[in-house]
Structures are given as structure tokens and as C-alpha cells.
């Protein structure tokens, strides 16, 4: 029983960590894409 509780606890911790990392990576990626879009707008202004 104690082992199952420990496994559940570890599983919850891992899932939380994975969720956090995915959110950070996704956030960083969208910020980079926004920067690229701004650079494109500067170098290639729409007419």
C-alpha cells in the first residue's frame, strides 16, 4: 500500500513538472515567433 501511495505521489510530481516545462517551452517558442514576425515587419514592411 505504501508503495502505491509513493508511486501516485511521484507520478503527480512528474506530471506537474512535465506540464510546467511544456508551458515554458511553448511560451518561449511563441515569444521567439513574435520576435521573428517583428523583424520581418521591419525588414519587409507591408505596402
C-alpha atoms as a PDB file:
ATOM      1  CA  UNK A   1       0.000   0.000   0.000  1.00  0.00           C
ATOM      2  CA  UNK A   2       2.702   2.475   0.939  1.00  0.00           C
ATOM      3  CA  UNK A   3       4.472   1.772  -2.342  1.00  0.00           C
ATOM      4  CA  UNK A   4       1.322   2.532  -4.333  1.00  0.00           C
ATOM      5  CA  UNK A   5       0.884   5.836  -2.498  1.00  0.00           C
ATOM      6  CA  UNK A   6       4.519   6.706  -3.174  1.00  0.00           C
ATOM      7  CA  UNK A   7       4.107   5.855  -6.853  1.00  0.00           C
ATOM      8  CA  UNK A   8       0.987   8.022  -7.079  1.00  0.00           C
ATOM      9  CA  UNK A   9       2.836  10.887  -5.402  1.00  0.00           C
ATOM     10  CA  UNK A  10       5.812  10.578  -7.748  1.00  0.00           C
ATOM     11  CA  UNK A  11       3.501  10.323 -10.750  1.00  0.00           C
ATOM     12  CA  UNK A  12       1.744  13.537  -9.708  1.00  0.00           C
ATOM     13  CA  UNK A  13       5.091  15.305  -9.270  1.00  0.00           C
ATOM     14  CA  UNK A  14       6.329  14.141 -12.676  1.00  0.00           C
ATOM     15  CA  UNK A  15       3.104  15.157 -14.409  1.00  0.00           C
ATOM     16  CA  UNK A  16       3.263  18.600 -12.785  1.00  0.00           C
ATOM     17  CA  UNK A  17       6.882  19.070 -13.818  1.00  0.00           C
ATOM     18  CA  UNK A  18       6.216  17.958 -17.395  1.00  0.00           C
ATOM     19  CA  UNK A  19       3.228  20.297 -17.627  1.00  0.00           C
ATOM     20  CA  UNK A  20       5.332  23.217 -16.366  1.00  0.00           C
ATOM     21  CA  UNK A  21       8.189  22.527 -18.793  1.00  0.00           C
ATOM     22  CA  UNK A  22       5.815  22.178 -21.737  1.00  0.00           C
ATOM     23  CA  UNK A  23       4.174  25.504 -20.842  1.00  0.00           C
ATOM     24  CA  UNK A  24       7.566  27.233 -20.563  1.00  0.00           C
ATOM     25  CA  UNK A  25       8.822  25.831 -23.854  1.00  0.00           C
ATOM     26  CA  UNK A  26       5.580  26.698 -25.627  1.00  0.00           C
ATOM     27  CA  UNK A  27       5.689  30.213 -24.150  1.00  0.00           C
ATOM     28  CA  UNK A  28       9.332  30.725 -25.183  1.00  0.00           C
ATOM     29  CA  UNK A  29       8.603  29.471 -28.677  1.00  0.00           C
ATOM     30  CA  UNK A  30       5.680  31.849 -29.162  1.00  0.00           C
ATOM     31  CA  UNK A  31       7.844  34.737 -27.925  1.00  0.00           C
ATOM     32  CA  UNK A  32      10.544  33.803 -30.448  1.00  0.00           C
ATOM     33  CA  UNK A  33       7.980  33.633 -33.230  1.00  0.00           C
ATOM     34  CA  UNK A  34       6.695  37.065 -32.242  1.00  0.00           C
ATOM     35  CA  UNK A  35      10.261  38.431 -32.433  1.00  0.00           C
ATOM     36  CA  UNK A  36      10.710  36.927 -35.901  1.00  0.00           C
ATOM     37  CA  UNK A  37       7.423  38.448 -37.025  1.00  0.00           C
ATOM     38  CA  UNK A  38       8.554  41.862 -35.766  1.00  0.00           C
ATOM     39  CA  UNK A  39      11.890  41.515 -37.577  1.00  0.00           C
ATOM     40  CA  UNK A  40      10.110  40.520 -40.782  1.00  0.00           C
ATOM     41  CA  UNK A  41       7.862  43.550 -40.462  1.00  0.00           C
ATOM     42  CA  UNK A  42      10.898  45.825 -40.068  1.00  0.00           C
ATOM     43  CA  UNK A  43      12.883  44.361 -42.966  1.00  0.00           C
ATOM     44  CA  UNK A  44       9.920  43.751 -45.234  1.00  0.00           C
ATOM     45  CA  UNK A  45       7.234  46.342 -44.491  1.00  0.00           C
ATOM     46  CA  UNK A  46       3.835  45.634 -45.978  1.00  0.00           C
ATOM     47  CA  UNK A  47       2.721  48.125 -48.597  1.00  0.00           C
END
